[in-house]
Amino acid sequence: MNTISIKYPPEVLWALQQDPKEFEREARILLAVKLYESGKLTTGLAAQIADVPRVTFIHLLGQYGLSPFGETAREIARDLKHARQARRR
């Protein structure tokens, strides 16, 4: 595995009310989520960056309002509505 190092002032920890380990974990997750959201990584690769199992990462996506299917919940609901309407015809 490759590594990345990011310098940050101690005030960041104070502002977020986190210890260094909490901040580093959250930073990894946020980076992974953003790379997934931008379409640059799959859920599997993003999960590796976040250092969590893929199923956990998929759950995390929901907490950030993202879908592992590449569509928003609103888009999926609209598609379901259209499918139900087409079935009734």
Protein backbone atom coordinates (compact mmCIF):
# COMPACT_ATOMS: atom_id res chain seq x y z
CA MET A 1 0.00 0.00 0.00
CA ASN A 2 1.05 3.56 -0.69
CA THR A 3 0.63 6.22 1.97
CA ILE A 4 -0.24 9.90 2.05
CA SER A 5 0.69 12.39 4.74
CA ILE A 6 -1.22 15.61 5.34
CA LYS A 7 -0.10 18.33 7.69
CA TYR A 8 -2.79 20.12 9.66
CA PRO A 9 -2.70 22.56 12.55
CA PRO A 10 -3.71 21.32 16.01
CA GLU A 11 -6.56 23.85 15.97
CA VAL A 12 -8.37 21.57 13.50
CA LEU A 13 -8.68 18.92 16.20
CA TRP A 14 -9.95 21.49 18.66
CA ALA A 15 -12.48 22.89 16.16
CA LEU A 16 -13.80 19.41 15.35
CA GLN A 17 -13.56 18.18 18.94
CA GLN A 18 -11.76 15.04 17.77
CA ASP A 19 -8.61 13.25 18.70
CA PRO A 20 -6.03 12.60 15.94
CA LYS A 21 -7.19 9.03 15.28
CA GLU A 22 -10.85 10.11 14.89
CA PHE A 23 -9.85 12.92 12.54
CA GLU A 24 -7.63 10.67 10.43
CA ARG A 25 -10.39 8.04 10.17
CA GLU A 26 -12.96 10.64 9.13
CA ALA A 27 -10.54 12.20 6.62
CA ARG A 28 -9.97 8.79 5.00
CA ILE A 29 -13.71 8.21 4.75
CA LEU A 30 -14.41 11.67 3.34
CA LEU A 31 -11.67 11.28 0.73
CA ALA A 32 -13.02 7.88 -0.29
CA VAL A 33 -16.61 9.14 -0.46
CA LYS A 34 -15.61 12.12 -2.61
CA LEU A 35 -13.56 9.99 -5.00
CA TYR A 36 -16.50 7.61 -5.34
CA GLU A 37 -18.98 10.47 -5.78
CA SER A 38 -16.88 12.00 -8.57
CA GLY A 39 -16.89 8.67 -10.40
CA LYS A 40 -13.16 8.15 -10.05
CA LEU A 41 -13.30 5.00 -7.89
CA THR A 42 -15.52 1.97 -7.46
CA THR A 43 -17.06 1.16 -4.10
CA GLY A 44 -14.42 -1.55 -3.64
CA LEU A 45 -11.42 0.73 -4.19
CA ALA A 46 -12.98 3.55 -2.18
CA ALA A 47 -13.60 1.11 0.68
CA GLN A 48 -9.91 0.24 0.66
CA ILE A 49 -9.00 3.93 1.01
CA ALA A 50 -11.54 4.30 3.81
CA ASP A 51 -10.05 1.15 5.39
CA VAL A 52 -13.46 -0.44 5.87
CA PRO A 53 -15.15 -3.49 4.33
CA ARG A 54 -17.03 -2.77 1.08
CA VAL A 55 -20.42 -3.42 2.69
CA THR A 56 -19.59 -0.88 5.41
CA PHE A 57 -18.56 1.66 2.77
CA ILE A 58 -21.85 1.15 0.93
CA HIS A 59 -23.65 1.86 4.20
CA LEU A 60 -21.53 4.99 4.70
CA LEU A 61 -22.56 6.23 1.25
CA GLY A 62 -26.15 6.32 2.47
CA GLN A 63 -25.13 8.46 5.44
CA TYR A 64 -23.70 10.98 2.96
CA GLY A 65 -26.79 10.89 0.75
CA LEU A 66 -25.13 8.88 -2.01
CA SER A 67 -26.22 5.71 -3.74
CA PRO A 68 -23.93 2.76 -4.48
CA PHE A 69 -25.91 2.38 -7.72
CA GLY A 70 -24.72 5.69 -9.14
CA GLU A 71 -28.16 7.25 -8.85
CA THR A 72 -29.81 9.35 -6.20
CA ALA A 73 -32.70 8.05 -4.11
CA ARG A 74 -34.97 10.49 -5.96
CA GLU A 75 -33.89 9.10 -9.36
CA ILE A 76 -34.48 5.53 -8.20
CA ALA A 77 -37.93 6.45 -6.84
CA ARG A 78 -38.82 8.15 -10.14
CA ASP A 79 -37.70 5.08 -12.11
CA LEU A 80 -39.77 2.84 -9.84
CA LYS A 81 -42.81 5.07 -10.33
CA HIS A 82 -42.40 4.93 -14.10
CA ALA A 83 -41.95 1.15 -14.03
CA ARG A 84 -45.16 0.73 -12.01
CA GLN A 85 -47.06 3.00 -14.40
CA ALA A 86 -45.78 1.07 -17.43
CA ARG A 87 -46.80 -2.24 -15.84
CA ARG A 88 -50.41 -1.03 -15.42
CA ARG A 89 -50.84 -0.26 -19.13
